[in-house]
């Protein structure tokens, strides 16, 4: 079942589409899921698993761990995205990333020539959230990605409704996606303030001021 939603949409606070004051749901990267899946395997099996995964990624059997340019998306995947009404007729993908482990239908983040798209399948229900490029009023980087977590962006329209994007940082793909998004919307990236626990960890430790020495009595 597919559900195409236009802003505003407030049905589910864990949804990729949300109001500013709704809680933020963090999402693990595909690489972290893969590493979790092989914990405890013997070294030889782990190596074979990773090699097999790399081969399957290379031939398009499983989603890539990287943000991909539109010309690297297979015709089969593009046809599937159109069949599921994620892409409109004639719409062209510029950048694409799926955090799905086995299928691009598990999750996707897309920049096209018309829109920004975020979709996710949960409990066999496909939810699709979109913003036209000319609707985007604010782009916030909530989390900068690394080897074990995706870059997390929040995009808002003028009414304060938004959608979330998750982008792999591998080979700078998140930055390439963001660069074109910022260029096409003519906006400046806003860095979100650190959360309290992160801010406390980043703050330098304060050292207690040295105690004043006791005065030395003058010689009689």
Foldseek 3Di string as FASTA:
>chain_A
DEDEDEPPDDPDLQALKHFPPRDYDFDKALVQVLVVVCPPPPPVVNVVVVVVLVVCCVVVQAPDSAKDAQVPDDPVVVVVCVVSVLDDPPKTWGIKHARDGGDSAQWIWTDIPFWTKTWHADPNYIYIYIDTLQQWDAKEFADPDDPIGWTKIWTAGPVRMIGIDTGRCPPNRVVVVVVVSCVSSVHDYHYDDDDPVVVVVPDDDDDDDDDDDDDDDDDD
